[in-house]
Amino acid sequence: MDLKLVHEVLKRHLKGRTVEDDTPLVSGGLIDSMAIVDLIVDLEDAVGVRIPASEVQPDDFDTPRKIAQTVSRFR
């Protein structure tokens, strides 16, 4: 998945804030586990792919780069 698209989706969840590709989101306290669920839904809509919540961990969403890699696994 394109990192640019990840950043566009994340920007909505971070109230317009931009982050770097390797910024820790979960471990840095920028998003929590409930926000991950909403993020997954938005990513699914943006990419047209299903991301089974049972097959991902919070660490898979800890940075924009990891998010792109995680989404790519389900394409």
C-alpha atoms as a PDB file:
ATOM      1  CA  MET A   1       0.000   0.000   0.000  1.00  0.00           C
ATOM      2  CA  ASP A   2       1.158   3.498  -0.785  1.00  0.00           C
ATOM      3  CA  LEU A   3       2.440   5.400   2.257  1.00  0.00           C
ATOM      4  CA  LYS A   4       0.901   8.592   0.913  1.00  0.00           C
ATOM      5  CA  LEU A   5      -2.569   7.045   1.164  1.00  0.00           C
ATOM      6  CA  VAL A   6      -1.815   5.812   4.696  1.00  0.00           C
ATOM      7  CA  HIS A   7      -0.865   9.365   5.678  1.00  0.00           C
ATOM      8  CA  GLU A   8      -4.085  10.749   4.152  1.00  0.00           C
ATOM      9  CA  VAL A   9      -6.214   8.306   6.149  1.00  0.00           C
ATOM     10  CA  LEU A  10      -4.185   8.857   9.329  1.00  0.00           C
ATOM     11  CA  LYS A  11      -4.501  12.620   9.050  1.00  0.00           C
ATOM     12  CA  ARG A  12      -8.257  12.298   9.630  1.00  0.00           C
ATOM     13  CA  HIS A  13      -7.639  10.196  12.742  1.00  0.00           C
ATOM     14  CA  LEU A  14      -4.970  12.536  14.074  1.00  0.00           C
ATOM     15  CA  LYS A  15      -7.128  15.651  13.638  1.00  0.00           C
ATOM     16  CA  GLY A  16      -5.016  17.017  10.788  1.00  0.00           C
ATOM     17  CA  ARG A  17      -1.678  16.284  12.403  1.00  0.00           C
ATOM     18  CA  THR A  18       0.994  14.898  10.097  1.00  0.00           C
ATOM     19  CA  VAL A  19       3.565  12.336  11.169  1.00  0.00           C
ATOM     20  CA  GLU A  20       6.685  10.785   9.680  1.00  0.00           C
ATOM     21  CA  ASP A  21       6.738   7.281   8.164  1.00  0.00           C
ATOM     22  CA  ASP A  22       8.265   5.767  11.304  1.00  0.00           C
ATOM     23  CA  THR A  23       6.483   7.818  13.965  1.00  0.00           C
ATOM     24  CA  PRO A  24       5.238   5.484  16.743  1.00  0.00           C
ATOM     25  CA  LEU A  25       1.471   5.842  16.810  1.00  0.00           C
ATOM     26  CA  VAL A  26       0.307   3.210  19.299  1.00  0.00           C
ATOM     27  CA  SER A  27       3.408   3.047  21.488  1.00  0.00           C
ATOM     28  CA  GLY A  28       3.682   6.840  21.256  1.00  0.00           C
ATOM     29  CA  GLY A  29       0.124   7.304  22.524  1.00  0.00           C
ATOM     30  CA  LEU A  30      -1.182   8.995  19.377  1.00  0.00           C
ATOM     31  CA  ILE A  31      -3.808   6.306  18.749  1.00  0.00           C
ATOM     32  CA  ASP A  32      -5.309   3.641  21.004  1.00  0.00           C
ATOM     33  CA  SER A  33      -6.831   0.241  20.346  1.00  0.00           C
ATOM     34  CA  MET A  34     -10.305   1.703  19.755  1.00  0.00           C
ATOM     35  CA  ALA A  35      -8.889   4.122  17.196  1.00  0.00           C
ATOM     36  CA  ILE A  36      -7.235   1.191  15.429  1.00  0.00           C
ATOM     37  CA  VAL A  37     -10.655  -0.331  14.770  1.00  0.00           C
ATOM     38  CA  ASP A  38     -11.858   2.903  13.153  1.00  0.00           C
ATOM     39  CA  LEU A  39      -8.593   3.174  11.240  1.00  0.00           C
ATOM     40  CA  ILE A  40      -9.000  -0.357   9.874  1.00  0.00           C
ATOM     41  CA  VAL A  41     -12.495   0.492   8.597  1.00  0.00           C
ATOM     42  CA  ASP A  42     -11.230   3.651   6.887  1.00  0.00           C
ATOM     43  CA  LEU A  43      -8.289   1.802   5.345  1.00  0.00           C
ATOM     44  CA  GLU A  44     -10.602  -0.935   4.070  1.00  0.00           C
ATOM     45  CA  ASP A  45     -12.793   1.705   2.420  1.00  0.00           C
ATOM     46  CA  ALA A  46      -9.825   3.586   0.958  1.00  0.00           C
ATOM     47  CA  VAL A  47      -8.154   0.512  -0.494  1.00  0.00           C
ATOM     48  CA  GLY A  48     -11.089  -1.818  -1.078  1.00  0.00           C
ATOM     49  CA  VAL A  49      -9.617  -4.658   0.940  1.00  0.00           C
ATOM     50  CA  ARG A  50     -10.827  -6.591   3.990  1.00  0.00           C
ATOM     51  CA  ILE A  51      -8.489  -6.544   7.005  1.00  0.00           C
ATOM     52  CA  PRO A  52      -9.585  -9.213   9.507  1.00  0.00           C
ATOM     53  CA  ALA A  53      -9.154  -7.711  12.985  1.00  0.00           C
ATOM     54  CA  SER A  54      -8.415 -11.200  14.313  1.00  0.00           C
ATOM     55  CA  GLU A  55      -5.315 -11.378  12.110  1.00  0.00           C
ATOM     56  CA  VAL A  56      -3.661  -8.115  13.149  1.00  0.00           C
ATOM     57  CA  GLN A  57      -2.056  -6.845  16.328  1.00  0.00           C
ATOM     58  CA  PRO A  58      -1.665  -3.277  17.640  1.00  0.00           C
ATOM     59  CA  ASP A  59       2.021  -3.443  16.670  1.00  0.00           C
ATOM     60  CA  ASP A  60       0.936  -3.842  13.018  1.00  0.00           C
ATOM     61  CA  PHE A  61      -0.421  -0.284  13.260  1.00  0.00           C
ATOM     62  CA  ASP A  62       2.371   1.320  15.276  1.00  0.00           C
ATOM     63  CA  THR A  63       3.827   3.377  12.415  1.00  0.00           C
ATOM     64  CA  PRO A  64       2.547   4.524   9.033  1.00  0.00           C
ATOM     65  CA  ARG A  65       5.151   2.271   7.404  1.00  0.00           C
ATOM     66  CA  LYS A  66       3.912  -0.780   9.359  1.00  0.00           C
ATOM     67  CA  ILE A  67       0.328   0.100   8.468  1.00  0.00           C
ATOM     68  CA  ALA A  68       1.214   0.122   4.755  1.00  0.00           C
ATOM     69  CA  GLN A  69       2.961  -3.244   5.117  1.00  0.00           C
ATOM     70  CA  THR A  70       0.015  -4.713   7.041  1.00  0.00           C
ATOM     71  CA  VAL A  71      -2.571  -3.569   4.496  1.00  0.00           C
ATOM     72  CA  SER A  72      -0.403  -4.929   1.683  1.00  0.00           C
ATOM     73  CA  ARG A  73      -0.576  -8.392   3.252  1.00  0.00           C
ATOM     74  CA  PHE A  74      -4.326  -8.469   2.613  1.00  0.00           C
ATOM     75  CA  ARG A  75      -4.337  -7.186  -0.974  1.00  0.00           C
END
